C-alpha atoms as a PDB file:
ATOM      1  CA  MET A   1      80.338 151.512  94.232  1.00  0.00           C
ATOM      2  CA  THR A   2      79.421 152.770  97.509  1.00  0.00           C
ATOM      3  CA  GLY A   3      75.748 152.139  97.455  1.00  0.00           C
ATOM      4  CA  PRO A   4      73.638 151.236 100.287  1.00  0.00           C
ATOM      5  CA  LEU A   5      74.023 147.443  99.801  1.00  0.00           C
ATOM      6  CA  PHE A   6      77.773 147.662  99.952  1.00  0.00           C
ATOM      7  CA  ARG A   7      77.844 149.726 103.075  1.00  0.00           C
ATOM      8  CA  ARG A   8      75.435 147.409 104.864  1.00  0.00           C
ATOM      9  CA  PHE A   9      77.799 144.491 103.674  1.00  0.00           C
ATOM     10  CA  ALA A  10      80.731 146.301 105.037  1.00  0.00           C
ATOM     11  CA  ARG A  11      79.223 146.870 108.410  1.00  0.00           C
ATOM     12  CA  ASP A  12      77.755 143.406 108.846  1.00  0.00           C
ATOM     13  CA  GLU A  13      79.944 141.521 111.559  1.00  0.00           C
ATOM     14  CA  ARG A  14      77.879 138.204 111.973  1.00  0.00           C
ATOM     15  CA  ALA A  15      80.367 135.944 110.373  1.00  0.00           C
ATOM     16  CA  ALA A  16      83.571 137.645 111.972  1.00  0.00           C
ATOM     17  CA  VAL A  17      83.729 134.861 114.824  1.00  0.00           C
ATOM     18  CA  ALA A  18      83.480 132.119 112.166  1.00  0.00           C
ATOM     19  CA  VAL A  19      86.467 133.736 110.151  1.00  0.00           C
ATOM     20  CA  GLU A  20      88.644 134.104 113.247  1.00  0.00           C
ATOM     21  CA  PHE A  21      88.056 130.604 114.055  1.00  0.00           C
ATOM     22  CA  VAL A  22      89.068 129.326 110.728  1.00  0.00           C
ATOM     23  CA  LEU A  23      92.148 131.292 110.809  1.00  0.00           C
ATOM     24  CA  ILE A  24      92.993 130.247 114.438  1.00  0.00           C
ATOM     25  CA  ALA A  25      91.776 126.582 114.452  1.00  0.00           C
ATOM     26  CA  PRO A  26      94.670 125.033 112.659  1.00  0.00           C
ATOM     27  CA  VAL A  27      97.113 126.594 115.166  1.00  0.00           C
ATOM     28  CA  LEU A  28      95.277 125.389 118.093  1.00  0.00           C
ATOM     29  CA  LEU A  29      94.721 122.003 116.625  1.00  0.00           C
ATOM     30  CA  ALA A  30      98.431 121.655 115.792  1.00  0.00           C
ATOM     31  CA  LEU A  31      99.471 122.681 119.117  1.00  0.00           C
ATOM     32  CA  LEU A  32      96.955 120.363 120.789  1.00  0.00           C
ATOM     33  CA  PHE A  33      98.267 117.604 118.599  1.00  0.00           C
ATOM     34  CA  GLY A  34     101.980 118.324 119.783  1.00  0.00           C
ATOM     35  CA  ILE A  35     100.982 118.426 123.505  1.00  0.00           C
ATOM     36  CA  VAL A  36      99.298 115.100 123.169  1.00  0.00           C
ATOM     37  CA  ILE A  37     102.260 113.338 121.143  1.00  0.00           C
ATOM     38  CA  LEU A  38     104.763 114.947 123.807  1.00  0.00           C
ATOM     39  CA  GLY A  39     102.767 113.444 126.627  1.00  0.00           C
ATOM     40  CA  TYR A  40     102.772 110.183 124.989  1.00  0.00           C
ATOM     41  CA  PHE A  41     106.466 110.086 124.236  1.00  0.00           C
ATOM     42  CA  MET A  42     107.180 110.935 127.889  1.00  0.00           C
ATOM     43  CA  GLY A  43     104.883 108.231 129.066  1.00  0.00           C
ATOM     44  CA  ILE A  44     106.448 105.589 126.845  1.00  0.00           C
ATOM     45  CA  SER A  45     109.877 106.975 127.782  1.00  0.00           C
ATOM     46  CA  HIS A  46     109.190 106.687 131.496  1.00  0.00           C
ATOM     47  CA  SER A  47     107.711 103.312 131.106  1.00  0.00           C
ATOM     48  CA  VAL A  48     110.531 101.770 129.270  1.00  0.00           C
ATOM     49  CA  SER A  49     113.039 103.285 131.851  1.00  0.00           C
ATOM     50  CA  GLN A  50     111.039 101.931 134.693  1.00  0.00           C
ATOM     51  CA  LEU A  51     110.570  98.487 132.937  1.00  0.00           C
ATOM     52  CA  ALA A  52     114.620  98.193 132.734  1.00  0.00           C
ATOM     53  CA  ALA A  53     115.024  99.249 136.356  1.00  0.00           C
ATOM     54  CA  GLY A  54     112.143  96.777 137.564  1.00  0.00           C
ATOM     55  CA  ALA A  55     113.843  93.915 135.767  1.00  0.00           C
ATOM     56  CA  ALA A  56     117.034  94.800 137.239  1.00  0.00           C
ATOM     57  CA  ARG A  57     115.588  95.069 140.855  1.00  0.00           C
ATOM     58  CA  ALA A  58     113.522  91.728 140.404  1.00  0.00           C
ATOM     59  CA  SER A  59     116.837  89.840 139.428  1.00  0.00           C
ATOM     60  CA  VAL A  60     118.187  90.489 142.870  1.00  0.00           C
ATOM     61  CA  ALA A  61     116.035  87.631 144.199  1.00  0.00           C
ATOM     62  CA  GLY A  62     118.162  84.930 142.225  1.00  0.00           C
ATOM     63  CA  LEU A  63     120.897  83.082 143.643  1.00  0.00           C
ATOM     64  CA  ASP A  64     122.849  82.662 140.411  1.00  0.00           C
ATOM     65  CA  GLU A  65     122.948  83.955 136.786  1.00  0.00           C
ATOM     66  CA  ALA A  66     120.549  81.469 135.584  1.00  0.00           C
ATOM     67  CA  GLU A  67     118.062  82.015 138.168  1.00  0.00           C
ATOM     68  CA  ARG A  68     118.328  86.086 137.771  1.00  0.00           C
ATOM     69  CA  ARG A  69     118.148  85.802 134.092  1.00  0.00           C
ATOM     70  CA  SER A  70     115.083  83.831 134.510  1.00  0.00           C
ATOM     71  CA  ILE A  71     113.405  86.276 136.930  1.00  0.00           C
ATOM     72  CA  ALA A  72     114.427  89.338 134.853  1.00  0.00           C
ATOM     73  CA  THR A  73     113.099  87.745 131.833  1.00  0.00           C
ATOM     74  CA  ALA A  74     109.675  87.019 133.448  1.00  0.00           C
ATOM     75  CA  TYR A  75     109.492  90.484 134.599  1.00  0.00           C
ATOM     76  CA  LEU A  76     110.096  91.811 131.210  1.00  0.00           C
ATOM     77  CA  ASP A  77     107.590  89.333 129.633  1.00  0.00           C
ATOM     78  CA  ARG A  78     104.948  90.806 131.748  1.00  0.00           C
ATOM     79  CA  ALA A  79     105.495  94.542 130.620  1.00  0.00           C
ATOM     80  CA  GLU A  80     102.023  95.058 129.020  1.00  0.00           C
ATOM     81  CA  GLU A  81     100.369  94.100 132.644  1.00  0.00           C
ATOM     82  CA  ARG A  82     102.515  96.879 134.323  1.00  0.00           C
ATOM     83  CA  TYR A  83     102.846  99.396 131.756  1.00  0.00           C
ATOM     84  CA  PRO A  84      99.848  99.989 129.534  1.00  0.00           C
ATOM     85  CA  LEU A  85     101.559 102.210 127.025  1.00  0.00           C
ATOM     86  CA  LEU A  86     103.969  99.212 126.068  1.00  0.00           C
ATOM     87  CA  THR A  87     103.311  96.192 123.950  1.00  0.00           C
ATOM     88  CA  ASN A  88     105.365  92.968 124.172  1.00  0.00           C
ATOM     89  CA  GLU A  89     105.650  92.986 120.281  1.00  0.00           C
ATOM     90  CA  ALA A  90     107.300  96.327 120.226  1.00  0.00           C
ATOM     91  CA  LEU A  91     109.876  95.583 123.006  1.00  0.00           C
ATOM     92  CA  ARG A  92     113.418  94.239 122.755  1.00  0.00           C
ATOM     93  CA  SER A  93     115.595  93.617 125.798  1.00  0.00           C
ATOM     94  CA  ASN A  94     119.099  92.518 126.480  1.00  0.00           C
ATOM     95  CA  LEU A  95     120.534  91.387 129.876  1.00  0.00           C
ATOM     96  CA  ARG A  96     124.214  91.629 130.603  1.00  0.00           C
ATOM     97  CA  PHE A  97     125.987  90.164 133.617  1.00  0.00           C
ATOM     98  CA  ASP A  98     129.195  91.408 134.953  1.00  0.00           C
ATOM     99  CA  TYR A  99     131.402  89.741 137.233  1.00  0.00           C
ATOM    100  CA  GLY A 100     134.393  90.487 139.617  1.00  0.00           C
ATOM    101  CA  ALA A 101     134.547  93.840 141.558  1.00  0.00           C
ATOM    102  CA  ASP A 102     131.766  95.370 139.596  1.00  0.00           C
ATOM    103  CA  ALA A 103     129.295  92.322 139.733  1.00  0.00           C
ATOM    104  CA  GLY A 104     125.998  93.377 138.722  1.00  0.00           C
ATOM    105  CA  ILE A 105     123.335  93.313 135.971  1.00  0.00           C
ATOM    106  CA  THR A 106     122.644  95.609 133.109  1.00  0.00           C
ATOM    107  CA  VAL A 107     119.147  95.705 131.570  1.00  0.00           C
ATOM    108  CA  ASP A 108     118.725  97.296 128.126  1.00  0.00           C
ATOM    109  CA  VAL A 109     115.051  97.795 126.874  1.00  0.00           C
ATOM    110  CA  SER A 110     114.255  99.122 123.381  1.00  0.00           C
ATOM    111  CA  PHE A 111     110.789 100.072 122.272  1.00  0.00           C
ATOM    112  CA  ASN A 112     109.989 100.117 118.439  1.00  0.00           C
ATOM    113  CA  ALA A 113     107.736 103.113 117.691  1.00  0.00           C
ATOM    114  CA  GLU A 114     106.457 101.604 114.523  1.00  0.00           C
ATOM    115  CA  GLY A 115     102.783 101.448 114.398  1.00  0.00           C
ATOM    116  CA  THR A 116     102.310 104.012 117.220  1.00  0.00           C
ATOM    117  CA  MET A 117     100.937 107.648 117.326  1.00  0.00           C
ATOM    118  CA  LEU A 118     104.743 108.514 117.439  1.00  0.00           C
ATOM    119  CA  GLU A 119     105.062 107.149 113.769  1.00  0.00           C
ATOM    120  CA  ILE A 120     102.228 109.437 112.805  1.00  0.00           C
ATOM    121  CA  ALA A 121     103.902 112.329 114.521  1.00  0.00           C
ATOM    122  CA  ASN A 122     107.077 111.694 112.643  1.00  0.00           C
ATOM    123  CA  GLY A 123     105.427 112.123 109.448  1.00  0.00           C
ATOM    124  CA  PHE A 124     103.761 115.402 110.459  1.00  0.00           C
ATOM    125  CA  LEU A 125     106.424 116.935 112.611  1.00  0.00           C
ATOM    126  CA  GLY A 126     109.671 115.214 111.454  1.00  0.00           C
ATOM    127  CA  LEU A 127     110.550 113.849 114.784  1.00  0.00           C
ATOM    128  CA  ASN A 128     112.501 110.870 113.468  1.00  0.00           C
ATOM    129  CA  ILE A 129     111.836 108.776 116.605  1.00  0.00           C
ATOM    130  CA  ALA A 130     112.113 105.096 115.679  1.00  0.00           C
ATOM    131  CA  THR A 131     112.986 103.696 118.945  1.00  0.00           C
ATOM    132  CA  ILE A 132     112.959 104.753 122.374  1.00  0.00           C
ATOM    133  CA  ASP A 133     115.649 103.085 124.541  1.00  0.00           C
ATOM    134  CA  GLY A 134     116.097 102.747 128.482  1.00  0.00           C
ATOM    135  CA  SER A 135     118.578 101.098 130.540  1.00  0.00           C
ATOM    136  CA  ALA A 136     119.218 100.254 134.130  1.00  0.00           C
ATOM    137  CA  TYR A 137     122.469  98.928 135.917  1.00  0.00           C
ATOM    138  CA  LEU A 138     122.093  97.279 139.514  1.00  0.00           C
ATOM    139  CA  ALA A 139     125.213  96.240 141.363  1.00  0.00           C
ATOM    140  CA  TYR A 140     124.931  92.878 143.173  1.00  0.00           C
END
């Protein structure tokens, strides 16, 4: 079966680029998806850490624990305004005050990744990222 039709088909390279694209496109799209997810994770992680640090710094303006707690809580409640990647519904925070020689405040913030791009990536990439946590301590 080495007729002229077969030889002409074997030399035809018009669809070579399409075949190469079909072979390479899934790898490139997976790489692009991974880069976007990594950037999104880093953005949220940084925002959570900065939110905790900002709340701790803001609390310094208070004179007693009640006032400091109120200031830090107000700062945490405005997280969506300051950090566009965060939503108040996904955030949980905890304030701890220390007394004595090591007097200060510890602010713990946790971001629930449910319903975000990270949840989708967990299914594809097996990342197992359920929460992103940040913490800040500030001595008074």
